[in-house]
Amino acid sequence: MFGESYKFKTNLEMVQAEKVVNLLTQEVLSVQNQFAEEMSDPKKMMVLVVAALNLAKRNIELLNANNEIKLKIGKRSKDILEILDKSLGTNEKMQI
C-alpha cells in the first residue's frame, strides 16, 4: 500500500489476516482512484481515513441487517411455537 510494506500482529489465522489486508488494500485503491479524478495528489492519511470510514459504514450496515434477520427469526420461531402449542393442545409454553 502506498509503495510501502507494513507488518501487524493479529490473533486471526493467516488466511483471515490476508483477507483483512486484501479488503483494506482494495478499498484504499478504490479511494485513490476516486480521488485521482478529483485531485492531483491525494494525501495518504486522507485516503486511509476515507477507506476506513467506507469499511466501517459497510460493517454497520451488515450488523444492522444481521440484527433485523435475528429479530425476524425470533418472531417467526415464537409464532411457530405458538402454532405447535395450539395444535398439540399443550398449556405450557416453551421458552426460547
N, C-alpha and C. Protein backbone atom coordinates (compact mmCIF):
# COMPACT_ATOMS: atom_id res chain seq x y z
N MET A 1 0.85 -1.17 0.00
CA MET A 1 0.00 0.00 0.00
C MET A 1 0.90 1.24 0.00
N PHE A 2 0.64 2.15 -0.87
CA PHE A 2 1.42 3.37 -0.99
C PHE A 2 2.90 3.07 -1.27
N GLY A 3 3.19 1.90 -1.86
CA GLY A 3 4.56 1.53 -2.17
C GLY A 3 5.38 1.17 -0.94
N GLU A 4 4.71 0.90 0.18
CA GLU A 4 5.41 0.55 1.42
C GLU A 4 4.88 -0.77 1.95
N SER A 5 5.69 -1.44 2.75
CA SER A 5 5.27 -2.67 3.42
C SER A 5 4.93 -2.35 4.86
N TYR A 6 3.94 -3.06 5.38
CA TYR A 6 3.53 -2.87 6.77
C TYR A 6 3.44 -4.24 7.44
N LYS A 7 3.80 -4.30 8.71
CA LYS A 7 3.66 -5.51 9.50
C LYS A 7 2.68 -5.23 10.62
N PHE A 8 1.88 -6.24 10.95
CA PHE A 8 0.97 -6.09 12.08
C PHE A 8 0.78 -7.44 12.74
N LYS A 9 0.43 -7.39 14.03
CA LYS A 9 0.16 -8.60 14.79
C LYS A 9 -1.34 -8.79 14.86
N THR A 10 -1.74 -10.06 14.85
CA THR A 10 -3.16 -10.35 14.92
C THR A 10 -3.37 -11.72 15.55
N ASN A 11 -4.56 -11.93 16.08
CA ASN A 11 -4.95 -13.24 16.60
C ASN A 11 -5.63 -14.08 15.53
N LEU A 12 -5.84 -13.49 14.36
CA LEU A 12 -6.50 -14.21 13.28
C LEU A 12 -5.57 -15.24 12.66
N GLU A 13 -6.17 -16.24 12.04
CA GLU A 13 -5.38 -17.18 11.25
C GLU A 13 -4.86 -16.43 10.03
N MET A 14 -3.79 -16.94 9.43
CA MET A 14 -3.14 -16.26 8.31
C MET A 14 -4.12 -15.99 7.17
N VAL A 15 -4.97 -16.94 6.86
CA VAL A 15 -5.92 -16.77 5.75
C VAL A 15 -6.86 -15.60 6.04
N GLN A 16 -7.34 -15.51 7.28
CA GLN A 16 -8.24 -14.42 7.66
C GLN A 16 -7.51 -13.08 7.65
N ALA A 17 -6.29 -13.06 8.15
CA ALA A 17 -5.49 -11.83 8.16
C ALA A 17 -5.25 -11.35 6.74
N GLU A 18 -4.98 -12.26 5.84
CA GLU A 18 -4.77 -11.89 4.43
C GLU A 18 -6.04 -11.31 3.83
N LYS A 19 -7.19 -11.86 4.21
CA LYS A 19 -8.46 -11.32 3.72
C LYS A 19 -8.66 -9.88 4.20
N VAL A 20 -8.30 -9.62 5.46
CA VAL A 20 -8.42 -8.26 6.01
C VAL A 20 -7.51 -7.31 5.23
N VAL A 21 -6.26 -7.72 5.02
CA VAL A 21 -5.31 -6.89 4.28
C VAL A 21 -5.80 -6.64 2.86
N ASN A 22 -6.28 -7.68 2.20
CA ASN A 22 -6.78 -7.53 0.83
C ASN A 22 -7.99 -6.61 0.77
N LEU A 23 -8.88 -6.72 1.74
CA LEU A 23 -10.06 -5.85 1.77
C LEU A 23 -9.65 -4.39 1.93
N LEU A 24 -8.74 -4.13 2.86
CA LEU A 24 -8.27 -2.77 3.06
C LEU A 24 -7.53 -2.25 1.82
N THR A 25 -6.69 -3.09 1.25
CA THR A 25 -5.94 -2.68 0.05
C THR A 25 -6.89 -2.34 -1.10
N GLN A 26 -7.89 -3.17 -1.31
CA GLN A 26 -8.87 -2.90 -2.38
C GLN A 26 -9.59 -1.59 -2.13
N GLU A 27 -9.97 -1.35 -0.89
CA GLU A 27 -10.69 -0.11 -0.58
C GLU A 27 -9.79 1.10 -0.74
N VAL A 28 -8.53 1.00 -0.32
CA VAL A 28 -7.59 2.10 -0.48
C VAL A 28 -7.40 2.40 -1.98
N LEU A 29 -7.23 1.37 -2.78
CA LEU A 29 -7.07 1.57 -4.23
C LEU A 29 -8.31 2.22 -4.83
N SER A 30 -9.48 1.80 -4.38
CA SER A 30 -10.72 2.39 -4.87
C SER A 30 -10.80 3.87 -4.52
N VAL A 31 -10.46 4.21 -3.28
CA VAL A 31 -10.49 5.61 -2.84
C VAL A 31 -9.44 6.41 -3.60
N GLN A 32 -8.24 5.83 -3.78
CA GLN A 32 -7.20 6.53 -4.54
C GLN A 32 -7.68 6.85 -5.95
N ASN A 33 -8.33 5.87 -6.58
CA ASN A 33 -8.85 6.09 -7.94
C ASN A 33 -9.92 7.16 -7.95
N GLN A 34 -10.75 7.16 -6.93
CA GLN A 34 -11.81 8.16 -6.82
C GLN A 34 -11.20 9.56 -6.69
N PHE A 35 -10.19 9.70 -5.83
CA PHE A 35 -9.58 11.00 -5.62
C PHE A 35 -8.65 11.40 -6.76
N ALA A 36 -8.12 10.42 -7.49
CA ALA A 36 -7.22 10.73 -8.61
C ALA A 36 -7.93 11.58 -9.65
N GLU A 37 -9.23 11.35 -9.80
CA GLU A 37 -10.01 12.14 -10.75
C GLU A 37 -10.26 13.56 -10.22
N GLU A 38 -10.27 13.70 -8.89
CA GLU A 38 -10.62 14.98 -8.28
C GLU A 38 -9.40 15.82 -7.88
N MET A 39 -8.30 15.17 -7.50
CA MET A 39 -7.11 15.89 -7.05
C MET A 39 -5.86 15.24 -7.63
N SER A 40 -4.87 16.05 -7.85
CA SER A 40 -3.64 15.54 -8.46
C SER A 40 -2.81 14.70 -7.49
N ASP A 41 -2.84 15.04 -6.19
CA ASP A 41 -2.01 14.33 -5.22
C ASP A 41 -2.76 14.11 -3.92
N PRO A 42 -3.65 13.09 -3.88
CA PRO A 42 -4.38 12.87 -2.63
C PRO A 42 -3.43 12.45 -1.51
N LYS A 43 -3.65 12.96 -0.33
CA LYS A 43 -2.80 12.67 0.82
C LYS A 43 -3.08 11.26 1.35
N LYS A 44 -2.01 10.58 1.76
CA LYS A 44 -2.13 9.20 2.25
C LYS A 44 -3.13 9.10 3.40
N MET A 45 -3.00 10.01 4.36
CA MET A 45 -3.87 9.95 5.54
C MET A 45 -5.33 10.13 5.16
N MET A 46 -5.61 11.05 4.24
CA MET A 46 -6.98 11.27 3.81
C MET A 46 -7.53 10.01 3.13
N VAL A 47 -6.73 9.38 2.29
CA VAL A 47 -7.15 8.16 1.60
C VAL A 47 -7.43 7.06 2.61
N LEU A 48 -6.55 6.89 3.59
CA LEU A 48 -6.74 5.86 4.61
C LEU A 48 -7.98 6.12 5.46
N VAL A 49 -8.20 7.37 5.83
CA VAL A 49 -9.38 7.70 6.64
C VAL A 49 -10.66 7.43 5.86
N VAL A 50 -10.71 7.85 4.60
CA VAL A 50 -11.91 7.61 3.79
C VAL A 50 -12.12 6.11 3.59
N ALA A 51 -11.05 5.37 3.33
CA ALA A 51 -11.16 3.91 3.17
C ALA A 51 -11.68 3.27 4.46
N ALA A 52 -11.14 3.69 5.60
CA ALA A 52 -11.58 3.15 6.89
C ALA A 52 -13.05 3.50 7.15
N LEU A 53 -13.45 4.72 6.84
CA LEU A 53 -14.85 5.11 7.03
C LEU A 53 -15.78 4.32 6.12
N ASN A 54 -15.36 4.08 4.88
CA ASN A 54 -16.17 3.27 3.96
C ASN A 54 -16.35 1.86 4.50
N LEU A 55 -15.27 1.26 4.99
CA LEU A 55 -15.35 -0.09 5.53
C LEU A 55 -16.19 -0.13 6.81
N ALA A 56 -16.04 0.88 7.66
CA ALA A 56 -16.84 0.96 8.89
C ALA A 56 -18.33 1.09 8.56
N LYS A 57 -18.64 1.90 7.57
CA LYS A 57 -20.04 2.07 7.15
C LYS A 57 -20.63 0.75 6.68
N ARG A 58 -19.87 0.03 5.85
CA ARG A 58 -20.36 -1.27 5.37
C ARG A 58 -20.52 -2.25 6.53
N ASN A 59 -19.62 -2.20 7.49
CA ASN A 59 -19.72 -3.07 8.66
C ASN A 59 -20.99 -2.77 9.45
N ILE A 60 -21.29 -1.51 9.67
CA ILE A 60 -22.51 -1.12 10.40
C ILE A 60 -23.75 -1.58 9.63
N GLU A 61 -23.74 -1.41 8.32
CA GLU A 61 -24.88 -1.86 7.50
C GLU A 61 -25.08 -3.37 7.64
N LEU A 62 -23.99 -4.13 7.64
CA LEU A 62 -24.10 -5.59 7.80
C LEU A 62 -24.59 -5.95 9.19
N LEU A 63 -24.11 -5.25 10.22
CA LEU A 63 -24.57 -5.51 11.58
C LEU A 63 -26.06 -5.21 11.72
N ASN A 64 -26.51 -4.11 11.12
CA ASN A 64 -27.94 -3.77 11.17
C ASN A 64 -28.78 -4.82 10.45
N ALA A 65 -28.32 -5.26 9.29
CA ALA A 65 -29.05 -6.30 8.54
C ALA A 65 -29.08 -7.60 9.34
N ASN A 66 -27.97 -7.93 9.99
CA ASN A 66 -27.90 -9.14 10.80
C ASN A 66 -28.88 -9.06 11.97
N ASN A 67 -28.96 -7.91 12.61
CA ASN A 67 -29.90 -7.73 13.73
C ASN A 67 -31.34 -7.85 13.26
N GLU A 68 -31.66 -7.30 12.10
CA GLU A 68 -33.01 -7.41 11.56
C GLU A 68 -33.37 -8.86 11.29
N ILE A 69 -32.43 -9.61 10.73
CA ILE A 69 -32.67 -11.03 10.46
C ILE A 69 -32.90 -11.79 11.76
N LYS A 70 -32.08 -11.49 12.78
CA LYS A 70 -32.24 -12.16 14.08
C LYS A 70 -33.63 -11.88 14.66
N LEU A 71 -34.08 -10.63 14.57
CA LEU A 71 -35.40 -10.28 15.09
C LEU A 71 -36.51 -11.02 14.33
N LYS A 72 -36.39 -11.11 13.01
CA LYS A 72 -37.39 -11.82 12.20
C LYS A 72 -37.40 -13.30 12.54
N ILE A 73 -36.22 -13.89 12.70
CA ILE A 73 -36.13 -15.31 13.05
C ILE A 73 -36.74 -15.56 14.43
N GLY A 74 -36.44 -14.66 15.37
CA GLY A 74 -37.01 -14.79 16.71
C GLY A 74 -38.52 -14.72 16.71
N LYS A 75 -39.07 -13.77 15.97
CA LYS A 75 -40.52 -13.62 15.89
C LYS A 75 -41.14 -14.84 15.21
N ARG A 76 -40.53 -15.27 14.13
CA ARG A 76 -41.06 -16.43 13.39
C ARG A 76 -41.00 -17.69 14.26
N SER A 77 -39.93 -17.85 15.01
CA SER A 77 -39.80 -19.01 15.90
C SER A 77 -40.89 -18.98 16.97
N LYS A 78 -41.13 -17.81 17.52
CA LYS A 78 -42.18 -17.67 18.53
C LYS A 78 -43.55 -18.01 17.93
N ASP A 79 -43.82 -17.52 16.73
CA ASP A 79 -45.09 -17.82 16.05
C ASP A 79 -45.24 -19.32 15.82
N ILE A 80 -44.18 -19.97 15.37
CA ILE A 80 -44.22 -21.41 15.11
C ILE A 80 -44.46 -22.19 16.40
N LEU A 81 -43.79 -21.77 17.48
CA LEU A 81 -44.01 -22.45 18.77
C LEU A 81 -45.44 -22.28 19.25
N GLU A 82 -46.02 -21.12 19.05
CA GLU A 82 -47.41 -20.90 19.44
C GLU A 82 -48.35 -21.79 18.63
N ILE A 83 -48.08 -21.91 17.34
CA ILE A 83 -48.90 -22.78 16.49
C ILE A 83 -48.78 -24.23 16.93
N LEU A 84 -47.55 -24.66 17.23
CA LEU A 84 -47.35 -26.03 17.71
C LEU A 84 -48.05 -26.27 19.04
N ASP A 85 -47.94 -25.30 19.95
CA ASP A 85 -48.61 -25.43 21.24
C ASP A 85 -50.11 -25.58 21.06
N LYS A 86 -50.70 -24.78 20.20
CA LYS A 86 -52.15 -24.84 19.96
C LYS A 86 -52.54 -26.17 19.33
N SER A 87 -51.76 -26.60 18.35
CA SER A 87 -52.11 -27.84 17.65
C SER A 87 -51.91 -29.07 18.52
N LEU A 88 -50.97 -29.02 19.46
CA LEU A 88 -50.73 -30.14 20.36
C LEU A 88 -51.58 -30.06 21.61
N GLY A 89 -52.23 -28.92 21.80
CA GLY A 89 -53.09 -28.74 22.95
C GLY A 89 -52.34 -28.65 24.26
N THR A 90 -51.11 -28.19 24.22
CA THR A 90 -50.35 -28.06 25.45
C THR A 90 -50.60 -26.70 26.08
N ASN A 91 -50.60 -26.70 27.37
CA ASN A 91 -50.82 -25.45 28.09
C ASN A 91 -49.51 -24.77 28.45
N GLU A 92 -48.43 -25.56 28.47
CA GLU A 92 -47.13 -24.98 28.84
C GLU A 92 -46.47 -24.39 27.60
N LYS A 93 -45.97 -23.20 27.75
CA LYS A 93 -45.27 -22.54 26.64
C LYS A 93 -43.79 -22.85 26.76
N MET A 94 -43.15 -23.07 25.62
CA MET A 94 -41.72 -23.30 25.61
C MET A 94 -41.00 -21.96 25.61
N GLN A 95 -39.92 -21.87 26.32
CA GLN A 95 -39.11 -20.65 26.34
C GLN A 95 -38.02 -20.76 25.28
N ILE A 96 -37.76 -19.66 24.58
CA ILE A 96 -36.67 -19.62 23.60
C ILE A 96 -35.47 -18.99 24.24
